[in-house]
Amino acid sequence: MKNIWSNERTEIATWLSGYLNMVKTWVDKILDNEHYDVDKNKIIGLIDEWIAWLQETRLKIMKMRDVDPEHMGLQNSRPEGDGTEYVIEKDEDGNLYRRAIGSEEREIIKEKE
């Protein structure tokens, strides 16, 4: 499966949630001087690891496509505003129609009263 944001976002949210819980646990240990002897160098090392992991995750997300190309298509099938040119036709009863050039499908504009 290709890495596509719409497919991967739940997994990424799960990773980030776990990551935030891990960071919170360490913050709690740092703040709890009575029960944990946290070494400054240990914290610096952990921060370096966290930064590397976040940069790697950021790069993965940046490389993801927003949408699966196989599912791309017209989001709105209405042709208005897309440069479609129309022919205006009048039938024998006096009704006005428009038809996209190259199409046989007609759309009534005005019915004869």
N, C-alpha and C. Protein backbone atom coordinates (compact mmCIF):
# COMPACT_ATOMS: atom_id res chain seq x y z
N MET A 1 0.85 -1.19 0.00
CA MET A 1 0.00 0.00 0.00
C MET A 1 0.89 1.24 0.00
N LYS A 2 0.49 2.20 -0.80
CA LYS A 2 1.23 3.45 -0.88
C LYS A 2 0.99 4.27 0.37
N ASN A 3 1.98 5.09 0.72
CA ASN A 3 1.81 5.99 1.87
C ASN A 3 0.99 7.18 1.45
N ILE A 4 -0.26 7.16 1.85
CA ILE A 4 -1.19 8.22 1.51
C ILE A 4 -1.77 8.74 2.80
N TRP A 5 -1.79 10.05 2.95
CA TRP A 5 -2.22 10.69 4.19
C TRP A 5 -3.56 10.14 4.67
N SER A 6 -4.54 10.03 3.77
CA SER A 6 -5.87 9.59 4.19
C SER A 6 -5.85 8.17 4.76
N ASN A 7 -4.90 7.35 4.33
CA ASN A 7 -4.78 5.98 4.84
C ASN A 7 -3.93 5.90 6.11
N GLU A 8 -2.96 6.78 6.25
CA GLU A 8 -1.96 6.68 7.32
C GLU A 8 -2.23 7.57 8.52
N ARG A 9 -3.15 8.49 8.42
CA ARG A 9 -3.32 9.49 9.48
C ARG A 9 -3.69 8.88 10.82
N THR A 10 -4.49 7.82 10.85
CA THR A 10 -4.85 7.19 12.13
C THR A 10 -3.62 6.58 12.79
N GLU A 11 -2.80 5.91 12.00
CA GLU A 11 -1.59 5.31 12.55
C GLU A 11 -0.63 6.37 13.06
N ILE A 12 -0.50 7.45 12.33
CA ILE A 12 0.38 8.55 12.75
C ILE A 12 -0.14 9.16 14.05
N ALA A 13 -1.44 9.33 14.15
CA ALA A 13 -2.02 9.87 15.38
C ALA A 13 -1.73 8.95 16.56
N THR A 14 -1.79 7.64 16.33
CA THR A 14 -1.48 6.67 17.38
C THR A 14 -0.01 6.77 17.79
N TRP A 15 0.89 6.88 16.81
CA TRP A 15 2.33 7.05 17.11
C TRP A 15 2.54 8.29 17.95
N LEU A 16 1.96 9.41 17.50
CA LEU A 16 2.17 10.67 18.21
C LEU A 16 1.58 10.65 19.61
N SER A 17 0.46 9.98 19.77
CA SER A 17 -0.14 9.85 21.09
C SER A 17 0.79 9.07 22.03
N GLY A 18 1.34 7.96 21.54
CA GLY A 18 2.30 7.18 22.33
C GLY A 18 3.54 7.98 22.64
N TYR A 19 4.00 8.73 21.66
CA TYR A 19 5.19 9.57 21.83
C TYR A 19 4.94 10.61 22.93
N LEU A 20 3.78 11.27 22.87
CA LEU A 20 3.47 12.28 23.88
C LEU A 20 3.37 11.67 25.27
N ASN A 21 2.81 10.48 25.38
CA ASN A 21 2.75 9.80 26.68
C ASN A 21 4.14 9.50 27.21
N MET A 22 5.05 9.08 26.32
CA MET A 22 6.42 8.80 26.73
C MET A 22 7.10 10.08 27.23
N VAL A 23 6.92 11.17 26.51
CA VAL A 23 7.51 12.45 26.92
C VAL A 23 6.94 12.89 28.26
N LYS A 24 5.63 12.75 28.43
CA LYS A 24 5.00 13.14 29.69
C LYS A 24 5.56 12.31 30.86
N THR A 25 5.78 11.02 30.63
CA THR A 25 6.35 10.16 31.68
C THR A 25 7.72 10.67 32.10
N TRP A 26 8.55 11.05 31.13
CA TRP A 26 9.88 11.57 31.45
C TRP A 26 9.81 12.92 32.14
N VAL A 27 8.88 13.76 31.70
CA VAL A 27 8.72 15.07 32.36
C VAL A 27 8.34 14.85 33.82
N ASP A 28 7.41 13.91 34.06
CA ASP A 28 7.03 13.59 35.44
C ASP A 28 8.22 13.10 36.26
N LYS A 29 9.08 12.27 35.65
CA LYS A 29 10.27 11.76 36.36
C LYS A 29 11.24 12.91 36.68
N ILE A 30 11.38 13.83 35.74
CA ILE A 30 12.28 14.97 35.96
C ILE A 30 11.78 15.82 37.11
N LEU A 31 10.47 16.02 37.16
CA LEU A 31 9.88 16.87 38.20
C LEU A 31 9.85 16.19 39.57
N ASP A 32 9.89 14.87 39.59
CA ASP A 32 9.79 14.11 40.84
C ASP A 32 11.20 13.84 41.38
N ASN A 33 11.77 14.83 42.06
CA ASN A 33 13.13 14.71 42.60
C ASN A 33 13.24 13.68 43.71
N GLU A 34 12.15 13.41 44.40
CA GLU A 34 12.19 12.51 45.54
C GLU A 34 12.35 11.04 45.14
N HIS A 35 11.76 10.64 44.04
CA HIS A 35 11.77 9.23 43.68
C HIS A 35 12.68 8.88 42.50
N TYR A 36 13.09 9.85 41.73
CA TYR A 36 13.92 9.58 40.56
C TYR A 36 15.16 10.46 40.57
N ASP A 37 16.29 9.84 40.31
CA ASP A 37 17.54 10.58 40.15
C ASP A 37 17.81 10.65 38.65
N VAL A 38 17.37 11.71 38.03
CA VAL A 38 17.48 11.83 36.58
C VAL A 38 18.74 12.63 36.25
N ASP A 39 19.58 12.00 35.45
CA ASP A 39 20.84 12.60 35.03
C ASP A 39 20.59 13.58 33.86
N LYS A 40 21.23 14.74 33.93
CA LYS A 40 21.07 15.76 32.89
C LYS A 40 21.48 15.21 31.51
N ASN A 41 22.56 14.46 31.44
CA ASN A 41 23.02 13.91 30.16
C ASN A 41 22.04 12.88 29.59
N LYS A 42 21.39 12.14 30.49
CA LYS A 42 20.37 11.18 30.05
C LYS A 42 19.23 11.94 29.36
N ILE A 43 18.81 13.04 29.95
CA ILE A 43 17.72 13.85 29.37
C ILE A 43 18.15 14.43 28.02
N ILE A 44 19.36 14.93 27.94
CA ILE A 44 19.87 15.49 26.68
C ILE A 44 19.87 14.42 25.60
N GLY A 45 20.31 13.22 25.96
CA GLY A 45 20.30 12.10 25.01
C GLY A 45 18.90 11.76 24.55
N LEU A 46 17.96 11.72 25.50
CA LEU A 46 16.57 11.44 25.15
C LEU A 46 15.99 12.51 24.23
N ILE A 47 16.27 13.76 24.53
CA ILE A 47 15.78 14.85 23.69
C ILE A 47 16.33 14.72 22.27
N ASP A 48 17.59 14.36 22.15
CA ASP A 48 18.18 14.13 20.82
C ASP A 48 17.45 13.02 20.08
N GLU A 49 17.14 11.92 20.78
CA GLU A 49 16.39 10.81 20.17
C GLU A 49 15.00 11.27 19.74
N TRP A 50 14.34 12.03 20.61
CA TRP A 50 12.99 12.50 20.30
C TRP A 50 12.99 13.40 19.06
N ILE A 51 13.98 14.30 19.01
CA ILE A 51 14.08 15.21 17.86
C ILE A 51 14.31 14.41 16.59
N ALA A 52 15.20 13.43 16.63
CA ALA A 52 15.47 12.60 15.45
C ALA A 52 14.20 11.86 15.01
N TRP A 53 13.46 11.31 15.99
CA TRP A 53 12.24 10.58 15.66
C TRP A 53 11.20 11.52 15.06
N LEU A 54 11.05 12.70 15.64
CA LEU A 54 10.08 13.66 15.11
C LEU A 54 10.46 14.12 13.70
N GLN A 55 11.75 14.33 13.46
CA GLN A 55 12.18 14.75 12.12
C GLN A 55 11.93 13.64 11.10
N GLU A 56 12.18 12.41 11.50
CA GLU A 56 11.93 11.27 10.62
C GLU A 56 10.43 11.14 10.31
N THR A 57 9.60 11.28 11.33
CA THR A 57 8.15 11.19 11.16
C THR A 57 7.66 12.34 10.29
N ARG A 58 8.19 13.53 10.51
CA ARG A 58 7.82 14.70 9.71
C ARG A 58 8.14 14.45 8.23
N LEU A 59 9.31 13.90 7.96
CA LEU A 59 9.72 13.61 6.59
C LEU A 59 8.79 12.58 5.94
N LYS A 60 8.41 11.55 6.69
CA LYS A 60 7.48 10.55 6.16
C LYS A 60 6.15 11.19 5.80
N ILE A 61 5.66 12.06 6.66
CA ILE A 61 4.38 12.72 6.40
C ILE A 61 4.50 13.63 5.19
N MET A 62 5.60 14.36 5.08
CA MET A 62 5.79 15.26 3.95
C MET A 62 5.82 14.51 2.62
N LYS A 63 6.35 13.28 2.62
CA LYS A 63 6.44 12.49 1.40
C LYS A 63 5.13 11.83 1.01
N MET A 64 4.16 11.81 1.92
CA MET A 64 2.88 11.17 1.64
C MET A 64 2.07 12.00 0.66
N ARG A 65 1.36 11.29 -0.17
CA ARG A 65 0.40 11.97 -1.04
C ARG A 65 -0.82 12.33 -0.21
N ASP A 66 -1.46 13.41 -0.58
CA ASP A 66 -2.68 13.81 0.12
C ASP A 66 -3.84 12.88 -0.20
N VAL A 67 -3.89 12.44 -1.46
CA VAL A 67 -5.01 11.63 -1.94
C VAL A 67 -4.46 10.50 -2.78
N ASP A 68 -5.11 9.35 -2.72
CA ASP A 68 -4.73 8.21 -3.54
C ASP A 68 -4.99 8.56 -4.99
N PRO A 69 -3.96 8.52 -5.85
CA PRO A 69 -4.16 8.89 -7.26
C PRO A 69 -5.19 8.01 -7.96
N GLU A 70 -5.37 6.77 -7.48
CA GLU A 70 -6.34 5.88 -8.10
C GLU A 70 -7.77 6.33 -7.82
N HIS A 71 -7.96 7.10 -6.75
CA HIS A 71 -9.28 7.57 -6.40
C HIS A 71 -9.50 9.03 -6.75
N MET A 72 -8.52 9.60 -7.46
CA MET A 72 -8.69 10.99 -7.86
C MET A 72 -9.67 11.05 -9.02
N GLY A 73 -10.34 12.07 -9.12
CA GLY A 73 -11.31 12.27 -10.18
C GLY A 73 -11.98 13.59 -9.93
N LEU A 74 -13.02 13.81 -10.63
CA LEU A 74 -13.72 15.05 -10.43
C LEU A 74 -14.41 15.02 -9.08
N GLN A 75 -14.13 16.01 -8.25
CA GLN A 75 -14.81 16.12 -6.98
C GLN A 75 -16.23 16.64 -7.20
N ASN A 76 -16.40 17.41 -8.24
CA ASN A 76 -17.69 17.97 -8.58
C ASN A 76 -17.83 17.77 -10.08
N SER A 77 -18.77 16.97 -10.49
CA SER A 77 -18.89 16.63 -11.90
C SER A 77 -19.56 17.71 -12.74
N ARG A 78 -19.99 18.79 -12.10
CA ARG A 78 -20.58 19.88 -12.86
C ARG A 78 -19.49 20.59 -13.65
N PRO A 79 -19.72 20.82 -14.94
CA PRO A 79 -18.67 21.43 -15.76
C PRO A 79 -18.55 22.94 -15.63
N GLU A 80 -19.49 23.63 -14.96
CA GLU A 80 -19.43 25.08 -14.89
C GLU A 80 -18.09 25.54 -14.32
N GLY A 81 -17.50 26.49 -15.00
CA GLY A 81 -16.24 27.05 -14.51
C GLY A 81 -15.02 26.29 -14.96
N ASP A 82 -15.19 25.23 -15.74
CA ASP A 82 -14.01 24.46 -16.14
C ASP A 82 -13.57 24.77 -17.56
N GLY A 83 -14.19 25.76 -18.18
CA GLY A 83 -13.81 26.15 -19.54
C GLY A 83 -14.62 25.45 -20.62
N THR A 84 -15.63 24.67 -20.23
CA THR A 84 -16.47 23.99 -21.21
C THR A 84 -17.19 25.02 -22.07
N GLU A 85 -17.18 24.78 -23.37
CA GLU A 85 -17.88 25.67 -24.28
C GLU A 85 -19.21 25.03 -24.68
N TYR A 86 -20.24 25.86 -24.80
CA TYR A 86 -21.58 25.37 -25.09
C TYR A 86 -22.10 25.92 -26.41
N VAL A 87 -22.98 25.14 -27.02
CA VAL A 87 -23.73 25.56 -28.20
C VAL A 87 -25.16 25.78 -27.75
N ILE A 88 -25.76 26.89 -28.14
CA ILE A 88 -27.15 27.16 -27.82
C ILE A 88 -27.98 26.72 -29.03
N GLU A 89 -29.01 25.92 -28.76
CA GLU A 89 -29.85 25.40 -29.83
C GLU A 89 -31.31 25.70 -29.53
N LYS A 90 -32.08 25.81 -30.59
CA LYS A 90 -33.52 26.03 -30.44
C LYS A 90 -34.22 24.92 -31.22
N ASP A 91 -35.16 24.26 -30.56
CA ASP A 91 -35.88 23.19 -31.26
C ASP A 91 -37.07 23.76 -32.02
N GLU A 92 -37.78 22.87 -32.74
CA GLU A 92 -38.91 23.32 -33.57
C GLU A 92 -40.07 23.88 -32.76
N ASP A 93 -40.11 23.55 -31.45
CA ASP A 93 -41.17 24.08 -30.59
C ASP A 93 -40.80 25.43 -29.97
N GLY A 94 -39.58 25.89 -30.17
CA GLY A 94 -39.15 27.17 -29.64
C GLY A 94 -38.44 27.10 -28.30
N ASN A 95 -38.17 25.88 -27.78
CA ASN A 95 -37.45 25.72 -26.52
C ASN A 95 -35.95 25.94 -26.75
N LEU A 96 -35.29 26.59 -25.80
CA LEU A 96 -33.84 26.83 -25.90
C LEU A 96 -33.09 25.80 -25.07
N TYR A 97 -32.02 25.28 -25.65
CA TYR A 97 -31.18 24.29 -24.98
C TYR A 97 -29.73 24.72 -25.06
N ARG A 98 -28.95 24.23 -24.16
CA ARG A 98 -27.50 24.36 -24.31
C ARG A 98 -26.93 22.95 -24.32
N ARG A 99 -25.85 22.80 -25.09
CA ARG A 99 -25.21 21.50 -25.23
C ARG A 99 -23.70 21.73 -25.24
N ALA A 100 -22.98 20.98 -24.42
CA ALA A 100 -21.52 21.09 -24.42
C ALA A 100 -21.00 20.63 -25.77
N ILE A 101 -20.04 21.36 -26.31
CA ILE A 101 -19.46 20.98 -27.59
C ILE A 101 -18.90 19.57 -27.48
N GLY A 102 -19.27 18.72 -28.44
CA GLY A 102 -18.81 17.34 -28.45
C GLY A 102 -19.74 16.39 -27.71
N SER A 103 -20.81 16.92 -27.16
CA SER A 103 -21.76 16.10 -26.41
C SER A 103 -23.12 16.12 -27.11
N GLU A 104 -23.86 15.05 -26.96
CA GLU A 104 -25.22 15.00 -27.50
C GLU A 104 -26.26 15.32 -26.43
N GLU A 105 -25.81 15.42 -25.18
CA GLU A 105 -26.73 15.67 -24.07
C GLU A 105 -27.09 17.16 -24.02
N ARG A 106 -28.39 17.43 -24.07
CA ARG A 106 -28.86 18.80 -24.05
C ARG A 106 -29.48 19.12 -22.69
N GLU A 107 -29.34 20.38 -22.31
CA GLU A 107 -29.92 20.87 -21.05
C GLU A 107 -30.83 22.04 -21.42
N ILE A 108 -32.07 21.96 -20.96
CA ILE A 108 -33.03 23.01 -21.32
C ILE A 108 -32.69 24.30 -20.57
N ILE A 109 -32.69 25.40 -21.31
CA ILE A 109 -32.43 26.70 -20.72
C ILE A 109 -33.76 27.43 -20.51
N LYS A 110 -34.59 27.42 -21.55
CA LYS A 110 -35.86 28.14 -21.46
C LYS A 110 -36.90 27.41 -22.31
N GLU A 111 -38.02 27.12 -21.68
CA GLU A 111 -39.13 26.50 -22.41
C GLU A 111 -39.99 27.59 -23.01
N LYS A 112 -40.53 27.27 -24.17
CA LYS A 112 -41.44 28.22 -24.81
C LYS A 112 -42.70 28.30 -23.97
N GLU A 113 -43.18 29.51 -23.79
CA GLU A 113 -44.37 29.70 -22.94
C GLU A 113 -45.64 29.53 -23.71
